[in-house]
Every structure is written in C-alpha cells, then in structure tokens.
C-alpha atoms as a PDB file:
ATOM      1  CA  UNK A   1       7.426  43.032  18.506  1.00  0.00           C
ATOM      2  CA  UNK A   2       3.748  42.891  17.534  1.00  0.00           C
ATOM      3  CA  UNK A   3       3.815  39.723  15.480  1.00  0.00           C
ATOM      4  CA  UNK A   4       6.529  38.055  17.491  1.00  0.00           C
ATOM      5  CA  UNK A   5       3.661  37.906  20.581  1.00  0.00           C
ATOM      6  CA  UNK A   6       0.677  37.569  17.599  1.00  0.00           C
ATOM      7  CA  UNK A   7       2.523  34.603  16.674  1.00  0.00           C
ATOM      8  CA  UNK A   8       3.311  33.453  20.175  1.00  0.00           C
ATOM      9  CA  UNK A   9      -0.576  33.744  20.960  1.00  0.00           C
ATOM     10  CA  UNK A  10      -1.649  31.601  17.894  1.00  0.00           C
ATOM     11  CA  UNK A  11       1.107  29.118  18.393  1.00  0.00           C
ATOM     12  CA  UNK A  12      -0.498  28.867  22.528  1.00  0.00           C
ATOM     13  CA  UNK A  13      -4.035  28.630  21.263  1.00  0.00           C
ATOM     14  CA  UNK A  14      -3.292  25.994  18.685  1.00  0.00           C
ATOM     15  CA  UNK A  15      -1.767  23.907  21.489  1.00  0.00           C
ATOM     16  CA  UNK A  16      -4.598  24.728  23.757  1.00  0.00           C
ATOM     17  CA  UNK A  17      -7.436  23.563  20.779  1.00  0.00           C
ATOM     18  CA  UNK A  18      -5.292  20.496  20.216  1.00  0.00           C
ATOM     19  CA  UNK A  19      -5.016  19.685  23.953  1.00  0.00           C
ATOM     20  CA  UNK A  20      -8.793  19.852  24.389  1.00  0.00           C
ATOM     21  CA  UNK A  21      -9.997  18.365  21.617  1.00  0.00           C
ATOM     22  CA  UNK A  22      -7.305  14.948  22.328  1.00  0.00           C
ATOM     23  CA  UNK A  23      -9.006  15.272  26.453  1.00  0.00           C
ATOM     24  CA  UNK A  24     -12.311  14.924  24.708  1.00  0.00           C
ATOM     25  CA  UNK A  25     -11.542  12.285  22.214  1.00  0.00           C
ATOM     26  CA  UNK A  26     -12.426   8.768  22.549  1.00  0.00           C
ATOM     27  CA  UNK A  27      -9.971   6.335  23.226  1.00  0.00           C
ATOM     28  CA  UNK A  28      -9.748   4.984  19.497  1.00  0.00           C
ATOM     29  CA  UNK A  29      -9.195   8.483  18.487  1.00  0.00           C
ATOM     30  CA  UNK A  30      -6.516   8.963  21.635  1.00  0.00           C
ATOM     31  CA  UNK A  31      -4.273   5.640  20.564  1.00  0.00           C
ATOM     32  CA  UNK A  32      -4.361   7.029  16.649  1.00  0.00           C
ATOM     33  CA  UNK A  33      -2.850  10.526  17.902  1.00  0.00           C
ATOM     34  CA  UNK A  34      -0.135   7.884  19.929  1.00  0.00           C
ATOM     35  CA  UNK A  35       0.317   5.575  17.100  1.00  0.00           C
ATOM     36  CA  UNK A  36       1.039   8.613  14.636  1.00  0.00           C
ATOM     37  CA  UNK A  37       3.319  10.288  17.227  1.00  0.00           C
ATOM     38  CA  UNK A  38       5.276   6.913  17.529  1.00  0.00           C
ATOM     39  CA  UNK A  39       5.868   6.697  14.131  1.00  0.00           C
ATOM     40  CA  UNK A  40       6.893  10.010  13.531  1.00  0.00           C
ATOM     41  CA  UNK A  41       9.452  10.060  16.283  1.00  0.00           C
ATOM     42  CA  UNK A  42      10.893   6.118  14.833  1.00  0.00           C
ATOM     43  CA  UNK A  43      10.818   7.651  11.522  1.00  0.00           C
ATOM     44  CA  UNK A  44      12.661  10.648  12.713  1.00  0.00           C
ATOM     45  CA  UNK A  45      15.560   8.498  14.863  1.00  0.00           C
ATOM     46  CA  UNK A  46      15.601   7.100  11.030  1.00  0.00           C
ATOM     47  CA  UNK A  47      16.424  10.164   9.748  1.00  0.00           C
ATOM     48  CA  UNK A  48      18.862  10.994  12.459  1.00  0.00           C
ATOM     49  CA  UNK A  49      21.111   7.623  12.046  1.00  0.00           C
ATOM     50  CA  UNK A  50      20.994   7.849   8.495  1.00  0.00           C
ATOM     51  CA  UNK A  51      22.411  12.124   8.101  1.00  0.00           C
ATOM     52  CA  UNK A  52      25.073  10.642  10.899  1.00  0.00           C
ATOM     53  CA  UNK A  53      26.094   7.400   8.612  1.00  0.00           C
ATOM     54  CA  UNK A  54      26.243  10.005   5.418  1.00  0.00           C
ATOM     55  CA  UNK A  55      27.820  12.466   7.173  1.00  0.00           C
ATOM     56  CA  UNK A  56      30.891   9.685   8.013  1.00  0.00           C
ATOM     57  CA  UNK A  57      31.044   8.472   4.717  1.00  0.00           C
ATOM     58  CA  UNK A  58      31.427  12.128   3.143  1.00  0.00           C
ATOM     59  CA  UNK A  59      34.073  12.463   6.103  1.00  0.00           C
ATOM     60  CA  UNK A  60      36.390   8.931   5.222  1.00  0.00           C
ATOM     61  CA  UNK A  61      36.280  10.095   1.158  1.00  0.00           C
ATOM     62  CA  UNK A  62      37.401  13.549   2.142  1.00  0.00           C
ATOM     63  CA  UNK A  63      39.932  11.768   4.442  1.00  0.00           C
ATOM     64  CA  UNK A  64      40.654   9.637   1.067  1.00  0.00           C
ATOM     65  CA  UNK A  65      41.078  12.181  -1.166  1.00  0.00           C
ATOM     66  CA  UNK A  66      43.606  14.575   1.633  1.00  0.00           C
ATOM     67  CA  UNK A  67      45.889  11.203   1.683  1.00  0.00           C
ATOM     68  CA  UNK A  68      45.646  11.288  -2.042  1.00  0.00           C
ATOM     69  CA  UNK A  69      46.540  14.386  -2.303  1.00  0.00           C
ATOM     70  CA  UNK A  70      49.308  14.138   0.441  1.00  0.00           C
ATOM     71  CA  UNK A  71      50.618  10.762  -1.619  1.00  0.00           C
ATOM     72  CA  UNK A  72      50.846  12.795  -4.764  1.00  0.00           C
ATOM     73  CA  UNK A  73      52.704  15.829  -2.930  1.00  0.00           C
ATOM     74  CA  UNK A  74      55.025  14.055  -1.342  1.00  0.00           C
ATOM     75  CA  UNK A  75      56.135  11.492  -4.233  1.00  0.00           C
ATOM     76  CA  UNK A  76      55.871  14.913  -6.657  1.00  0.00           C
ATOM     77  CA  UNK A  77      58.720  16.407  -4.284  1.00  0.00           C
ATOM     78  CA  UNK A  78      60.588  13.449  -3.984  1.00  0.00           C
ATOM     79  CA  UNK A  79      61.258  13.229  -7.938  1.00  0.00           C
ATOM     80  CA  UNK A  80      62.720  16.968  -7.587  1.00  0.00           C
END
C-alpha cells in the first residue's frame, strides 16, 4: 500500500514540475512541446491503424485456413 502511495505522489510531483516548467517556458519552447505531442499523437494513431490492419489480415488468413480444412474434411467424407 505504501509503495502505491509513494508512486502516486512521485507521479503527481513530476506532473506538477512539468506543468510549472511549461508555464515558465518561452513561446518557442511551448511550441516545441506542442509539436512533440502532436507528432507523438500522429505516431500513436498510425500505430493503431497498422495494428488494426495486421489483425484483420491475420483474421482473414485464419478464415482461409478454416475454409481449406473444412473443404478437405468434406472431400474426405464424400470419398468414403
């Protein structure tokens, strides 16, 4: 319990420090922070869409394998 409390306090302290530093920075530094956040957001969105497309590719491959196995079983059953 103490570890969680200390971790949350440390996180809160880092957040307060970051906010204070941002508020006291110059306009150029603020713009650099905004650009970094926007770039990270774009990269995260790209990663999400890549992950989604890979998941759909895997799902279609699995469906193809299931269809092939089903056809193979049906052919075997019809021969006997």
